[in-house]
Amino acid sequence: MFRVRQELTNVKAANAALVKEKAAAETVAKEAKEAEVRTAKALEEENVDRTNLNKTVEGLQA
């Protein structure tokens, strides 16, 4: 009976560790997604700035 209780304790401990690892992985995934969104937004803003700069240069060359 002691072995069964010990095994149950080990399984519970392993489960608790997995729950913590899952939570950490979900946090990292969320942060990565947020970083991806920020990067995409920054790239879009830079493209707008480049387009405006190109228009300015074209206007000066005309």
Protein backbone atom coordinates (compact mmCIF):
# COMPACT_ATOMS: atom_id res chain seq x y z
CA MET A 1 0.00 0.00 0.00
CA PHE A 2 2.90 2.35 0.71
CA ARG A 3 4.14 1.98 -2.88
CA VAL A 4 0.74 2.94 -4.25
CA ARG A 5 0.59 6.04 -2.07
CA GLN A 6 4.13 6.97 -3.01
CA GLU A 7 3.35 6.51 -6.69
CA LEU A 8 0.22 8.66 -6.31
CA THR A 9 2.28 11.36 -4.62
CA ASN A 10 4.81 11.23 -7.45
CA VAL A 11 2.09 11.45 -10.08
CA LYS A 12 0.50 14.42 -8.32
CA ALA A 13 3.87 16.17 -8.14
CA ALA A 14 4.53 15.49 -11.82
CA ASN A 15 1.07 16.78 -12.70
CA ALA A 16 1.63 19.98 -10.71
CA ALA A 17 4.94 20.53 -12.52
CA LEU A 18 3.27 20.01 -15.89
CA VAL A 19 0.52 22.48 -15.02
CA LYS A 20 3.17 25.09 -14.18
CA GLU A 21 5.08 24.36 -17.39
CA LYS A 22 1.89 24.64 -19.43
CA ALA A 23 1.08 28.00 -17.86
CA ALA A 24 4.60 29.24 -18.55
CA ALA A 25 4.43 28.05 -22.16
CA GLU A 26 1.07 29.76 -22.64
CA THR A 27 2.50 33.00 -21.26
CA VAL A 28 5.47 32.81 -23.62
CA ALA A 29 3.17 32.08 -26.57
CA LYS A 30 0.96 35.05 -25.68
CA GLU A 31 3.96 37.36 -25.38
CA ALA A 32 5.31 36.12 -28.71
CA LYS A 33 1.97 36.78 -30.40
CA GLU A 34 1.86 40.29 -28.92
CA ALA A 35 5.40 40.93 -30.15
CA GLU A 36 4.42 39.70 -33.60
CA VAL A 37 1.47 42.09 -33.68
CA ARG A 38 3.66 45.01 -32.54
CA THR A 39 6.26 44.17 -35.18
CA ALA A 40 3.65 44.00 -37.92
CA LYS A 41 2.22 47.34 -36.85
CA ALA A 42 5.67 48.95 -36.77
CA LEU A 43 6.45 47.56 -40.22
CA GLU A 44 3.20 48.96 -41.54
CA GLU A 45 3.99 52.38 -40.07
CA GLU A 46 7.49 52.30 -41.57
CA ASN A 47 6.03 51.45 -44.98
CA VAL A 48 3.69 54.46 -44.72
CA ASP A 49 6.64 56.67 -43.76
CA ARG A 50 8.67 55.35 -46.70
CA THR A 51 5.79 55.96 -49.09
CA ASN A 52 5.45 59.53 -47.82
CA LEU A 53 9.19 60.07 -48.14
CA ASN A 54 9.16 58.75 -51.71
CA LYS A 55 6.33 61.15 -52.57
CA THR A 56 8.29 64.03 -51.05
CA VAL A 57 11.39 63.12 -53.07
CA GLU A 58 9.33 62.84 -56.26
CA GLY A 59 7.84 66.26 -55.54
CA LEU A 60 11.28 67.80 -55.06
CA GLN A 61 12.57 66.22 -58.27
CA ALA A 62 9.67 67.51 -60.35
